[in-house]
């Protein structure tokens, strides 16, 4: 889908520190197992976050490596929201 391709381009454009923060955000760990994503269990799952807008942020379930990503209108907005989410520490209930 166009949204997933946008996501891949955003990930490829991240620095190594940004990718490490993204990995920590989605899996709870800042490093991949030997063999990389292919050996990550459970597998990383990316789904479209329903009823989300450009103002929404991605959310995760780290136990099962499940990323809920809004269908952003541009790579710039996606990058901004992903980086903001990955840099956030703690829970805001």
N, C-alpha and C. Protein backbone atom coordinates (compact mmCIF):
# COMPACT_ATOMS: atom_id res chain seq x y z
N UNK A 1 0.84 -1.18 0.00
CA UNK A 1 0.00 0.00 0.00
C UNK A 1 0.88 1.25 0.00
N UNK A 2 0.37 2.37 -0.45
CA UNK A 2 1.16 3.60 -0.43
C UNK A 2 1.64 3.97 0.98
N UNK A 3 0.79 3.74 1.99
CA UNK A 3 1.18 4.05 3.36
C UNK A 3 2.35 3.21 3.85
N UNK A 4 2.36 1.93 3.48
CA UNK A 4 3.47 1.07 3.90
C UNK A 4 4.76 1.46 3.18
N UNK A 5 4.66 1.78 1.90
CA UNK A 5 5.85 2.23 1.16
C UNK A 5 6.40 3.52 1.77
N UNK A 6 5.51 4.42 2.17
CA UNK A 6 5.92 5.65 2.87
C UNK A 6 6.68 5.28 4.14
N UNK A 7 6.15 4.33 4.89
CA UNK A 7 6.76 3.87 6.14
C UNK A 7 8.17 3.33 5.89
N UNK A 8 8.34 2.52 4.87
CA UNK A 8 9.66 1.95 4.55
C UNK A 8 10.64 3.07 4.19
N UNK A 9 10.20 4.03 3.39
CA UNK A 9 11.08 5.16 3.02
C UNK A 9 11.47 5.98 4.25
N UNK A 10 10.53 6.19 5.15
CA UNK A 10 10.84 6.93 6.38
C UNK A 10 11.86 6.16 7.21
N UNK A 11 11.68 4.86 7.38
CA UNK A 11 12.64 4.05 8.14
C UNK A 11 14.03 4.08 7.50
N UNK A 12 14.08 3.98 6.19
CA UNK A 12 15.37 3.98 5.49
C UNK A 12 16.08 5.33 5.64
N UNK A 13 15.32 6.40 5.81
CA UNK A 13 15.90 7.72 5.96
C UNK A 13 16.31 8.07 7.38
N UNK A 14 16.03 7.20 8.34
CA UNK A 14 16.37 7.47 9.73
C UNK A 14 17.85 7.22 9.99
N UNK A 15 18.39 7.97 10.94
CA UNK A 15 19.77 7.73 11.38
C UNK A 15 19.79 6.45 12.21
N UNK A 16 20.97 5.96 12.51
CA UNK A 16 21.06 4.72 13.30
C UNK A 16 20.49 4.93 14.71
N UNK A 17 20.68 6.10 15.30
CA UNK A 17 20.10 6.36 16.62
C UNK A 17 18.57 6.42 16.55
N UNK A 18 18.04 7.01 15.49
CA UNK A 18 16.58 7.07 15.33
C UNK A 18 16.00 5.68 15.12
N UNK A 19 16.68 4.85 14.34
CA UNK A 19 16.22 3.47 14.13
C UNK A 19 16.27 2.67 15.43
N UNK A 20 17.30 2.91 16.22
CA UNK A 20 17.42 2.22 17.51
C UNK A 20 16.26 2.62 18.43
N UNK A 21 15.92 3.92 18.43
CA UNK A 21 14.79 4.40 19.24
C UNK A 21 13.48 3.81 18.72
N UNK A 22 13.33 3.72 17.40
CA UNK A 22 12.14 3.11 16.81
C UNK A 22 12.02 1.65 17.24
N UNK A 23 13.11 0.92 17.18
CA UNK A 23 13.11 -0.48 17.59
C UNK A 23 12.74 -0.62 19.06
N UNK A 24 13.28 0.25 19.89
CA UNK A 24 12.94 0.24 21.33
C UNK A 24 11.45 0.51 21.51
N UNK A 25 10.92 1.45 20.74
CA UNK A 25 9.50 1.81 20.81
C UNK A 25 8.60 0.64 20.41
N UNK A 26 8.97 -0.08 19.36
CA UNK A 26 8.09 -1.13 18.84
C UNK A 26 8.28 -2.49 19.51
N UNK A 27 9.48 -2.78 20.00
CA UNK A 27 9.74 -4.12 20.54
C UNK A 27 10.09 -4.14 22.02
N UNK A 28 10.46 -2.98 22.56
CA UNK A 28 10.92 -2.93 23.95
C UNK A 28 12.40 -3.21 24.08
N UNK A 29 13.08 -3.50 22.96
CA UNK A 29 14.53 -3.75 22.95
C UNK A 29 15.17 -2.82 21.94
N UNK A 30 16.40 -2.40 22.22
CA UNK A 30 17.06 -1.47 21.31
C UNK A 30 17.96 -2.17 20.29
N UNK A 31 18.02 -3.50 20.35
CA UNK A 31 18.82 -4.25 19.38
C UNK A 31 18.00 -5.40 18.82
N UNK A 32 18.37 -5.82 17.63
CA UNK A 32 17.73 -6.97 17.00
C UNK A 32 18.45 -8.25 17.41
N UNK A 33 17.78 -9.38 17.34
CA UNK A 33 18.46 -10.65 17.61
C UNK A 33 19.45 -10.95 16.48
N UNK A 34 20.40 -11.85 16.71
CA UNK A 34 21.29 -12.25 15.61
C UNK A 34 20.45 -12.70 14.41
N UNK A 35 20.79 -12.21 13.24
CA UNK A 35 20.01 -12.53 12.05
C UNK A 35 19.02 -11.45 11.67
N UNK A 36 18.88 -10.43 12.55
CA UNK A 36 18.04 -9.29 12.23
C UNK A 36 16.56 -9.54 12.35
N UNK A 37 15.78 -8.75 11.59
CA UNK A 37 14.32 -8.83 11.64
C UNK A 37 13.79 -10.22 11.33
N UNK A 38 14.51 -10.96 10.50
CA UNK A 38 14.07 -12.31 10.13
C UNK A 38 13.98 -13.22 11.36
N UNK A 39 14.76 -12.94 12.39
CA UNK A 39 14.76 -13.78 13.59
C UNK A 39 14.05 -13.13 14.77
N UNK A 40 13.31 -12.06 14.52
CA UNK A 40 12.53 -11.41 15.57
C UNK A 40 11.24 -12.20 15.77
N UNK A 41 11.02 -12.67 17.00
CA UNK A 41 9.82 -13.46 17.29
C UNK A 41 9.14 -12.89 18.52
N UNK A 42 7.86 -12.61 18.48
CA UNK A 42 7.02 -12.68 17.29
C UNK A 42 7.46 -11.65 16.25
N UNK A 43 7.06 -11.87 15.02
CA UNK A 43 7.40 -10.97 13.91
C UNK A 43 6.83 -9.58 14.14
N UNK A 44 7.51 -8.58 13.60
CA UNK A 44 7.00 -7.22 13.63
C UNK A 44 5.79 -7.13 12.70
N UNK A 45 4.68 -6.67 13.25
CA UNK A 45 3.45 -6.51 12.48
C UNK A 45 3.10 -5.04 12.42
N UNK A 46 2.84 -4.54 11.22
CA UNK A 46 2.45 -3.14 11.03
C UNK A 46 1.05 -3.13 10.44
N UNK A 47 0.13 -2.45 11.12
CA UNK A 47 -1.24 -2.34 10.65
C UNK A 47 -1.65 -0.88 10.60
N UNK A 48 -2.68 -0.61 9.80
CA UNK A 48 -3.21 0.74 9.70
C UNK A 48 -4.07 1.02 10.92
N UNK A 49 -3.80 2.16 11.55
CA UNK A 49 -4.59 2.58 12.71
C UNK A 49 -5.90 3.18 12.21
N UNK A 50 -7.00 2.55 12.53
CA UNK A 50 -8.32 2.94 12.05
C UNK A 50 -8.76 4.25 12.69
N UNK A 51 -9.45 5.07 11.91
CA UNK A 51 -10.02 6.34 12.37
C UNK A 51 -8.97 7.31 12.90
N UNK A 52 -7.76 7.24 12.37
CA UNK A 52 -6.69 8.16 12.78
C UNK A 52 -6.52 9.24 11.71
N UNK A 53 -5.98 10.37 12.14
CA UNK A 53 -5.74 11.50 11.23
C UNK A 53 -4.25 11.85 11.24
N UNK A 54 -3.89 12.87 10.49
CA UNK A 54 -2.50 13.34 10.49
C UNK A 54 -2.07 13.83 11.88
N UNK A 55 -3.02 14.19 12.72
CA UNK A 55 -2.71 14.66 14.07
C UNK A 55 -2.50 13.51 15.05
N UNK A 56 -2.82 12.29 14.64
CA UNK A 56 -2.68 11.12 15.52
C UNK A 56 -1.25 10.62 15.55
N UNK A 57 -0.94 9.90 16.60
CA UNK A 57 0.39 9.30 16.75
C UNK A 57 0.29 7.79 16.64
N UNK A 58 1.38 7.13 16.23
CA UNK A 58 1.37 5.67 16.19
C UNK A 58 1.30 5.11 17.61
N UNK A 59 0.83 3.89 17.74
CA UNK A 59 0.83 3.22 19.03
C UNK A 59 1.33 1.79 18.82
N UNK A 60 1.74 1.17 19.91
CA UNK A 60 2.34 -0.16 19.82
C UNK A 60 1.86 -1.06 20.94
N UNK A 61 2.03 -2.35 20.69
CA UNK A 61 1.93 -3.36 21.72
C UNK A 61 3.27 -4.08 21.67
N UNK A 62 4.18 -3.69 22.57
CA UNK A 62 5.55 -4.20 22.50
C UNK A 62 5.67 -5.69 22.74
N UNK A 63 4.75 -6.25 23.52
CA UNK A 63 4.84 -7.69 23.83
C UNK A 63 4.75 -8.56 22.58
N UNK A 64 3.97 -8.11 21.60
CA UNK A 64 3.80 -8.90 20.38
C UNK A 64 4.35 -8.18 19.15
N UNK A 65 5.11 -7.09 19.38
CA UNK A 65 5.75 -6.34 18.29
C UNK A 65 4.73 -5.88 17.26
N UNK A 66 3.71 -5.17 17.73
CA UNK A 66 2.56 -4.78 16.92
C UNK A 66 2.50 -3.26 16.84
N UNK A 67 2.72 -2.70 15.64
CA UNK A 67 2.71 -1.25 15.43
C UNK A 67 1.43 -0.85 14.71
N UNK A 68 0.68 0.07 15.32
CA UNK A 68 -0.54 0.61 14.71
C UNK A 68 -0.19 2.00 14.19
N UNK A 69 -0.18 2.13 12.87
CA UNK A 69 0.32 3.33 12.22
C UNK A 69 -0.80 4.02 11.44
N UNK A 70 -1.07 5.30 11.75
CA UNK A 70 -2.08 6.02 10.96
C UNK A 70 -1.66 6.13 9.50
N UNK A 71 -2.61 6.30 8.63
CA UNK A 71 -2.36 6.50 7.19
C UNK A 71 -2.09 8.00 6.99
N UNK A 72 -0.84 8.39 7.20
CA UNK A 72 -0.47 9.80 7.09
C UNK A 72 -0.48 10.26 5.64
N UNK A 73 -0.70 11.55 5.45
CA UNK A 73 -0.80 12.10 4.09
C UNK A 73 0.56 12.36 3.45
N UNK A 74 1.63 12.37 4.25
CA UNK A 74 2.96 12.61 3.67
C UNK A 74 4.04 11.94 4.51
N UNK A 75 5.20 11.75 3.90
CA UNK A 75 6.34 11.18 4.61
C UNK A 75 6.81 12.10 5.72
N UNK A 76 6.74 13.40 5.48
CA UNK A 76 7.19 14.37 6.48
C UNK A 76 6.38 14.25 7.76
N UNK A 77 5.06 14.16 7.62
CA UNK A 77 4.20 14.03 8.81
C UNK A 77 4.45 12.69 9.49
N UNK A 78 4.58 11.62 8.71
CA UNK A 78 4.84 10.31 9.29
C UNK A 78 6.15 10.32 10.07
N UNK A 79 7.19 10.88 9.48
CA UNK A 79 8.49 10.94 10.15
C UNK A 79 8.38 11.72 11.45
N UNK A 80 7.73 12.86 11.40
CA UNK A 80 7.58 13.70 12.59
C UNK A 80 6.83 12.97 13.70
N UNK A 81 5.73 12.32 13.36
CA UNK A 81 4.93 11.61 14.37
C UNK A 81 5.66 10.37 14.91
N UNK A 82 6.33 9.63 14.03
CA UNK A 82 7.09 8.45 14.48
C UNK A 82 8.21 8.87 15.43
N UNK A 83 8.97 9.89 15.05
CA UNK A 83 10.08 10.33 15.91
C UNK A 83 9.57 10.87 17.24
N UNK A 84 8.48 11.61 17.22
CA UNK A 84 7.91 12.11 18.47
C UNK A 84 7.50 10.95 19.37
N UNK A 85 6.87 9.94 18.80
CA UNK A 85 6.43 8.79 19.58
C UNK A 85 7.61 8.00 20.12
N UNK A 86 8.65 7.82 19.32
CA UNK A 86 9.79 7.02 19.77
C UNK A 86 10.61 7.73 20.84
N UNK A 87 10.57 9.04 20.87
CA UNK A 87 11.35 9.79 21.86
C UNK A 87 10.60 9.96 23.19
N UNK A 88 9.32 9.66 23.19
CA UNK A 88 8.51 9.82 24.40
C UNK A 88 8.85 8.72 25.39
N UNK A 89 8.98 9.07 26.65
CA UNK A 89 9.28 8.10 27.68
C UNK A 89 8.10 8.02 28.65
N UNK A 90 7.68 6.81 28.97
CA UNK A 90 6.62 6.62 29.94
C UNK A 90 5.25 6.57 29.31
N UNK A 91 4.25 6.52 30.17
CA UNK A 91 2.86 6.40 29.74
C UNK A 91 2.12 7.67 30.09
N UNK A 92 1.25 8.08 29.21
CA UNK A 92 0.40 9.23 29.47
C UNK A 92 -1.05 8.77 29.41
N UNK A 93 -1.62 8.48 30.55
CA UNK A 93 -2.99 7.94 30.61
C UNK A 93 -3.98 9.04 30.87
